[in-house]
Amino acid sequence: MSKNVITLSLLFLLLIPAQTVLFNHLVLFNVAVPLVFIYLIIVLPVTMSANVAMTIGFLTGLAVDILSDTPGVNALCCTVAAFIRRPVFHAFVSSDIDLADQLPSTRTMGTPAYLKYALTMTLIYCILLFSIEAMQVFNLRLYLLRIAASTVYTFIILYAITLLTGRRHEKRL
């Protein structure tokens, strides 16, 4: 478990500044925004309690909100995403194998199941984020385009991060 705490702490310390300094400025066509910091929520251990996961999600979103000057939008979305990650995970992995200290990845879940899980979590996060933003000014076409483009853009970057940080010694579920 301490290895996972170190891994998650390093991800937090790397992804939050990367999001606010780099990825917030890599907007494509003023529509697609890469939201790579949600990788931290996606890789939380499945056996982690919902309260701890939601606290980590809230702190992650709050850190991005503070550094990006967004008023609590990411904190809300990250908290909800952290809450629903376990049911989404079990929608793609129905195995009853021991899940203790396992981080979701291509090695532990298998590539197809992990890709579906990560894509679903990214889509849910983008829907939440852009639905909250749409409450200010609503344009249905732009709303749907931002959800789709940001989901694809974020997913491609998250998959690249997954391939770069993949571990060879994790056991498969």
C-alpha atoms as a PDB file:
ATOM      1  CA  MET A   1       0.000   0.000   0.000  1.00  0.00           C
ATOM      2  CA  SER A   2       2.847   2.426   0.748  1.00  0.00           C
ATOM      3  CA  LYS A   3       4.094   1.947  -2.809  1.00  0.00           C
ATOM      4  CA  ASN A   4       0.693   3.078  -4.097  1.00  0.00           C
ATOM      5  CA  VAL A   5       0.729   6.098  -1.773  1.00  0.00           C
ATOM      6  CA  ILE A   6       4.116   7.143  -3.147  1.00  0.00           C
ATOM      7  CA  THR A   7       2.946   6.589  -6.733  1.00  0.00           C
ATOM      8  CA  LEU A   8      -0.256   8.579  -6.214  1.00  0.00           C
ATOM      9  CA  SER A   9       1.621  11.373  -4.429  1.00  0.00           C
ATOM     10  CA  LEU A  10       4.101  11.651  -7.287  1.00  0.00           C
ATOM     11  CA  LEU A  11       1.266  11.683  -9.815  1.00  0.00           C
ATOM     12  CA  PHE A  12      -0.415  14.478  -7.856  1.00  0.00           C
ATOM     13  CA  LEU A  13       2.803  16.500  -7.700  1.00  0.00           C
ATOM     14  CA  LEU A  14       3.439  16.031 -11.431  1.00  0.00           C
ATOM     15  CA  LEU A  15      -0.033  16.192 -12.993  1.00  0.00           C
ATOM     16  CA  ILE A  16      -1.429  19.253 -11.202  1.00  0.00           C
ATOM     17  CA  PRO A  17       1.390  21.633 -12.225  1.00  0.00           C
ATOM     18  CA  ALA A  18       1.517  20.047 -15.683  1.00  0.00           C
ATOM     19  CA  GLN A  19      -2.216  20.663 -16.108  1.00  0.00           C
ATOM     20  CA  THR A  20      -2.128  24.267 -14.957  1.00  0.00           C
ATOM     21  CA  VAL A  21       1.119  25.312 -16.617  1.00  0.00           C
ATOM     22  CA  LEU A  22       1.127  23.275 -19.818  1.00  0.00           C
ATOM     23  CA  PHE A  23      -2.098  21.471 -20.701  1.00  0.00           C
ATOM     24  CA  ASN A  24      -4.487  24.370 -19.948  1.00  0.00           C
ATOM     25  CA  HIS A  25      -2.731  26.213 -22.781  1.00  0.00           C
ATOM     26  CA  LEU A  26      -2.862  23.351 -25.326  1.00  0.00           C
ATOM     27  CA  VAL A  27      -6.430  24.050 -26.415  1.00  0.00           C
ATOM     28  CA  LEU A  28      -7.259  22.832 -29.931  1.00  0.00           C
ATOM     29  CA  PHE A  29      -9.435  25.108 -32.090  1.00  0.00           C
ATOM     30  CA  ASN A  30     -10.727  26.813 -28.946  1.00  0.00           C
ATOM     31  CA  VAL A  31     -12.796  23.673 -28.310  1.00  0.00           C
ATOM     32  CA  ALA A  32     -10.769  20.690 -27.061  1.00  0.00           C
ATOM     33  CA  VAL A  33      -9.041  20.923 -23.687  1.00  0.00           C
ATOM     34  CA  PRO A  34      -6.795  18.092 -22.423  1.00  0.00           C
ATOM     35  CA  LEU A  35      -7.722  17.270 -18.834  1.00  0.00           C
ATOM     36  CA  VAL A  36      -4.816  15.001 -17.943  1.00  0.00           C
ATOM     37  CA  PHE A  37      -5.048  15.450 -14.178  1.00  0.00           C
ATOM     38  CA  ILE A  38      -8.032  13.075 -14.103  1.00  0.00           C
ATOM     39  CA  TYR A  39      -5.509  10.281 -14.668  1.00  0.00           C
ATOM     40  CA  LEU A  40      -4.942  10.450 -10.906  1.00  0.00           C
ATOM     41  CA  ILE A  41      -8.591   9.568 -10.283  1.00  0.00           C
ATOM     42  CA  ILE A  42      -8.650   6.897 -12.972  1.00  0.00           C
ATOM     43  CA  VAL A  43      -5.726   4.990 -11.422  1.00  0.00           C
ATOM     44  CA  LEU A  44      -6.914   5.080  -7.806  1.00  0.00           C
ATOM     45  CA  PRO A  45      -6.951   1.535  -6.373  1.00  0.00           C
ATOM     46  CA  VAL A  46     -10.351  -0.103  -6.747  1.00  0.00           C
ATOM     47  CA  THR A  47     -10.373  -1.278  -3.138  1.00  0.00           C
ATOM     48  CA  MET A  48      -9.850   2.247  -1.797  1.00  0.00           C
ATOM     49  CA  SER A  49     -12.845   3.385   0.235  1.00  0.00           C
ATOM     50  CA  ALA A  50     -15.236   5.827  -1.373  1.00  0.00           C
ATOM     51  CA  ASN A  51     -14.590   8.435   1.329  1.00  0.00           C
ATOM     52  CA  VAL A  52     -10.821   8.425   0.782  1.00  0.00           C
ATOM     53  CA  ALA A  53     -11.236   8.422  -2.995  1.00  0.00           C
ATOM     54  CA  MET A  54     -13.671  11.348  -2.875  1.00  0.00           C
ATOM     55  CA  THR A  55     -11.310  13.266  -0.580  1.00  0.00           C
ATOM     56  CA  ILE A  56      -8.432  12.707  -3.009  1.00  0.00           C
ATOM     57  CA  GLY A  57     -10.719  13.694  -5.886  1.00  0.00           C
ATOM     58  CA  PHE A  58     -11.835  16.849  -4.106  1.00  0.00           C
ATOM     59  CA  LEU A  59      -8.267  17.876  -3.233  1.00  0.00           C
ATOM     60  CA  THR A  60      -7.135  17.200  -6.796  1.00  0.00           C
ATOM     61  CA  GLY A  61      -9.938  19.292  -8.255  1.00  0.00           C
ATOM     62  CA  LEU A  62      -9.435  22.019  -5.667  1.00  0.00           C
ATOM     63  CA  ALA A  63      -5.737  22.261  -6.494  1.00  0.00           C
ATOM     64  CA  VAL A  64      -6.534  22.633 -10.193  1.00  0.00           C
ATOM     65  CA  ASP A  65      -9.273  25.171  -9.407  1.00  0.00           C
ATOM     66  CA  ILE A  66      -6.939  27.275  -7.290  1.00  0.00           C
ATOM     67  CA  LEU A  67      -4.125  27.233  -9.831  1.00  0.00           C
ATOM     68  CA  SER A  68      -6.430  27.707 -12.847  1.00  0.00           C
ATOM     69  CA  ASP A  69      -8.733  30.295 -11.251  1.00  0.00           C
ATOM     70  CA  THR A  70     -11.898  28.270 -11.823  1.00  0.00           C
ATOM     71  CA  PRO A  71     -14.494  28.554  -9.041  1.00  0.00           C
ATOM     72  CA  GLY A  72     -14.891  24.980  -7.757  1.00  0.00           C
ATOM     73  CA  VAL A  73     -15.892  23.386 -11.052  1.00  0.00           C
ATOM     74  CA  ASN A  74     -13.067  20.833 -11.089  1.00  0.00           C
ATOM     75  CA  ALA A  75     -13.466  20.099  -7.371  1.00  0.00           C
ATOM     76  CA  LEU A  76     -17.089  19.105  -7.932  1.00  0.00           C
ATOM     77  CA  CYS A  77     -16.366  17.081 -11.065  1.00  0.00           C
ATOM     78  CA  CYS A  78     -13.390  15.261  -9.516  1.00  0.00           C
ATOM     79  CA  THR A  79     -15.399  14.394  -6.403  1.00  0.00           C
ATOM     80  CA  VAL A  80     -18.219  12.907  -8.477  1.00  0.00           C
ATOM     81  CA  ALA A  81     -15.754  11.068 -10.746  1.00  0.00           C
ATOM     82  CA  ALA A  82     -13.967   9.598  -7.717  1.00  0.00           C
ATOM     83  CA  PHE A  83     -17.301   8.421  -6.337  1.00  0.00           C
ATOM     84  CA  ILE A  84     -18.402   6.617  -9.514  1.00  0.00           C
ATOM     85  CA  ARG A  85     -15.031   5.098 -10.466  1.00  0.00           C
ATOM     86  CA  ARG A  86     -15.700   1.768  -8.704  1.00  0.00           C
ATOM     87  CA  PRO A  87     -19.044   1.021 -10.442  1.00  0.00           C
ATOM     88  CA  VAL A  88     -17.517   2.039 -13.779  1.00  0.00           C
ATOM     89  CA  PHE A  89     -14.543  -0.247 -13.116  1.00  0.00           C
ATOM     90  CA  HIS A  90     -16.805  -3.185 -12.275  1.00  0.00           C
ATOM     91  CA  ALA A  91     -18.816  -2.591 -15.450  1.00  0.00           C
ATOM     92  CA  PHE A  92     -15.734  -3.638 -17.441  1.00  0.00           C
ATOM     93  CA  VAL A  93     -14.041  -6.072 -15.046  1.00  0.00           C
ATOM     94  CA  SER A  94     -16.404  -8.602 -13.518  1.00  0.00           C
ATOM     95  CA  SER A  95     -13.674 -10.781 -12.079  1.00  0.00           C
ATOM     96  CA  ASP A  96     -13.760 -11.650  -8.376  1.00  0.00           C
ATOM     97  CA  ILE A  97      -9.977 -12.012  -8.192  1.00  0.00           C
ATOM     98  CA  ASP A  98      -8.250 -10.332  -5.254  1.00  0.00           C
ATOM     99  CA  LEU A  99      -8.042  -6.615  -6.081  1.00  0.00           C
ATOM    100  CA  ALA A 100      -5.969  -5.545  -3.086  1.00  0.00           C
ATOM    101  CA  ASP A 101      -3.338  -2.921  -3.897  1.00  0.00           C
ATOM    102  CA  GLN A 102      -3.999  -3.058  -7.623  1.00  0.00           C
ATOM    103  CA  LEU A 103      -4.007   0.135  -9.650  1.00  0.00           C
ATOM    104  CA  PRO A 104      -6.139  -0.009 -12.791  1.00  0.00           C
ATOM    105  CA  SER A 105      -3.852  -0.248 -15.824  1.00  0.00           C
ATOM    106  CA  THR A 106      -3.473  -2.065 -19.113  1.00  0.00           C
ATOM    107  CA  ARG A 107      -1.385  -4.709 -17.372  1.00  0.00           C
ATOM    108  CA  THR A 108      -3.839  -5.436 -14.548  1.00  0.00           C
ATOM    109  CA  MET A 109      -7.104  -5.136 -16.477  1.00  0.00           C
ATOM    110  CA  GLY A 110      -6.003  -5.962 -19.989  1.00  0.00           C
ATOM    111  CA  THR A 111      -5.819  -3.363 -22.732  1.00  0.00           C
ATOM    112  CA  PRO A 112      -9.432  -3.512 -24.034  1.00  0.00           C
ATOM    113  CA  ALA A 113     -11.016  -3.326 -20.564  1.00  0.00           C
ATOM    114  CA  TYR A 114      -8.680  -0.536 -19.440  1.00  0.00           C
ATOM    115  CA  LEU A 115      -9.315   1.494 -22.586  1.00  0.00           C
ATOM    116  CA  LYS A 116     -13.087   1.202 -22.101  1.00  0.00           C
ATOM    117  CA  TYR A 117     -12.750   2.124 -18.423  1.00  0.00           C
ATOM    118  CA  ALA A 118     -10.495   5.139 -19.090  1.00  0.00           C
ATOM    119  CA  LEU A 119     -12.640   6.346 -21.992  1.00  0.00           C
ATOM    120  CA  THR A 120     -15.826   6.061 -19.938  1.00  0.00           C
ATOM    121  CA  MET A 121     -14.298   7.934 -16.994  1.00  0.00           C
ATOM    122  CA  THR A 122     -12.976  10.642 -19.319  1.00  0.00           C
ATOM    123  CA  LEU A 123     -16.367  10.984 -21.017  1.00  0.00           C
ATOM    124  CA  ILE A 124     -18.170  11.213 -17.672  1.00  0.00           C
ATOM    125  CA  TYR A 125     -15.747  13.870 -16.460  1.00  0.00           C
ATOM    126  CA  CYS A 126     -16.093  15.922 -19.658  1.00  0.00           C
ATOM    127  CA  ILE A 127     -19.898  15.704 -19.524  1.00  0.00           C
ATOM    128  CA  LEU A 128     -19.882  16.903 -15.914  1.00  0.00           C
ATOM    129  CA  LEU A 129     -17.411  19.716 -16.570  1.00  0.00           C
ATOM    130  CA  PHE A 130     -19.027  21.096 -19.702  1.00  0.00           C
ATOM    131  CA  SER A 131     -22.547  20.705 -18.289  1.00  0.00           C
ATOM    132  CA  ILE A 132     -21.576  22.964 -15.401  1.00  0.00           C
ATOM    133  CA  GLU A 133     -19.975  25.435 -17.790  1.00  0.00           C
ATOM    134  CA  ALA A 134     -23.038  25.310 -20.072  1.00  0.00           C
ATOM    135  CA  MET A 135     -25.176  26.756 -17.290  1.00  0.00           C
ATOM    136  CA  GLN A 136     -23.630  30.160 -18.002  1.00  0.00           C
ATOM    137  CA  VAL A 137     -24.164  30.418 -21.767  1.00  0.00           C
ATOM    138  CA  PHE A 138     -25.712  27.549 -23.673  1.00  0.00           C
ATOM    139  CA  ASN A 139     -24.980  26.604 -27.265  1.00  0.00           C
ATOM    140  CA  LEU A 140     -25.925  22.947 -27.842  1.00  0.00           C
ATOM    141  CA  ARG A 141     -23.650  22.439 -30.840  1.00  0.00           C
ATOM    142  CA  LEU A 142     -20.603  23.897 -29.073  1.00  0.00           C
ATOM    143  CA  TYR A 143     -21.484  21.969 -25.890  1.00  0.00           C
ATOM    144  CA  LEU A 144     -21.559  18.603 -27.681  1.00  0.00           C
ATOM    145  CA  LEU A 145     -18.465  19.442 -29.725  1.00  0.00           C
ATOM    146  CA  ARG A 146     -16.488  20.384 -26.612  1.00  0.00           C
ATOM    147  CA  ILE A 147     -17.502  17.156 -24.844  1.00  0.00           C
ATOM    148  CA  ALA A 148     -16.564  14.957 -27.794  1.00  0.00           C
ATOM    149  CA  ALA A 149     -13.344  16.771 -28.724  1.00  0.00           C
ATOM    150  CA  SER A 150     -12.087  17.099 -25.155  1.00  0.00           C
ATOM    151  CA  THR A 151     -12.879  13.459 -24.418  1.00  0.00           C
ATOM    152  CA  VAL A 152     -10.921  12.233 -27.432  1.00  0.00           C
ATOM    153  CA  TYR A 153      -8.026  14.667 -26.862  1.00  0.00           C
ATOM    154  CA  THR A 154      -7.754  13.792 -23.169  1.00  0.00           C
ATOM    155  CA  PHE A 155      -8.108  10.063 -23.813  1.00  0.00           C
ATOM    156  CA  ILE A 156      -5.263  10.039 -26.337  1.00  0.00           C
ATOM    157  CA  ILE A 157      -2.948  11.822 -23.903  1.00  0.00           C
ATOM    158  CA  LEU A 158      -4.010   9.578 -20.991  1.00  0.00           C
ATOM    159  CA  TYR A 159      -3.356   6.471 -23.044  1.00  0.00           C
ATOM    160  CA  ALA A 160       0.103   7.791 -23.918  1.00  0.00           C
ATOM    161  CA  ILE A 161       0.765   8.398 -20.219  1.00  0.00           C
ATOM    162  CA  THR A 162      -0.447   4.875 -19.451  1.00  0.00           C
ATOM    163  CA  LEU A 163       1.932   3.403 -22.004  1.00  0.00           C
ATOM    164  CA  LEU A 164       4.831   5.452 -20.627  1.00  0.00           C
ATOM    165  CA  THR A 165       4.171   4.560 -16.993  1.00  0.00           C
ATOM    166  CA  GLY A 166       3.157   0.913 -17.512  1.00  0.00           C
ATOM    167  CA  ARG A 167       4.528  -1.612 -15.074  1.00  0.00           C
ATOM    168  CA  ARG A 168       5.642  -5.055 -16.097  1.00  0.00           C
ATOM    169  CA  HIS A 169       5.352  -6.738 -12.685  1.00  0.00           C
ATOM    170  CA  GLU A 170       1.669  -6.133 -11.920  1.00  0.00           C
ATOM    171  CA  LYS A 171      -0.531  -9.193 -11.935  1.00  0.00           C
ATOM    172  CA  ARG A 172      -3.455  -9.269 -14.298  1.00  0.00           C
ATOM    173  CA  LEU A 173      -7.052  -9.356 -13.037  1.00  0.00           C
END
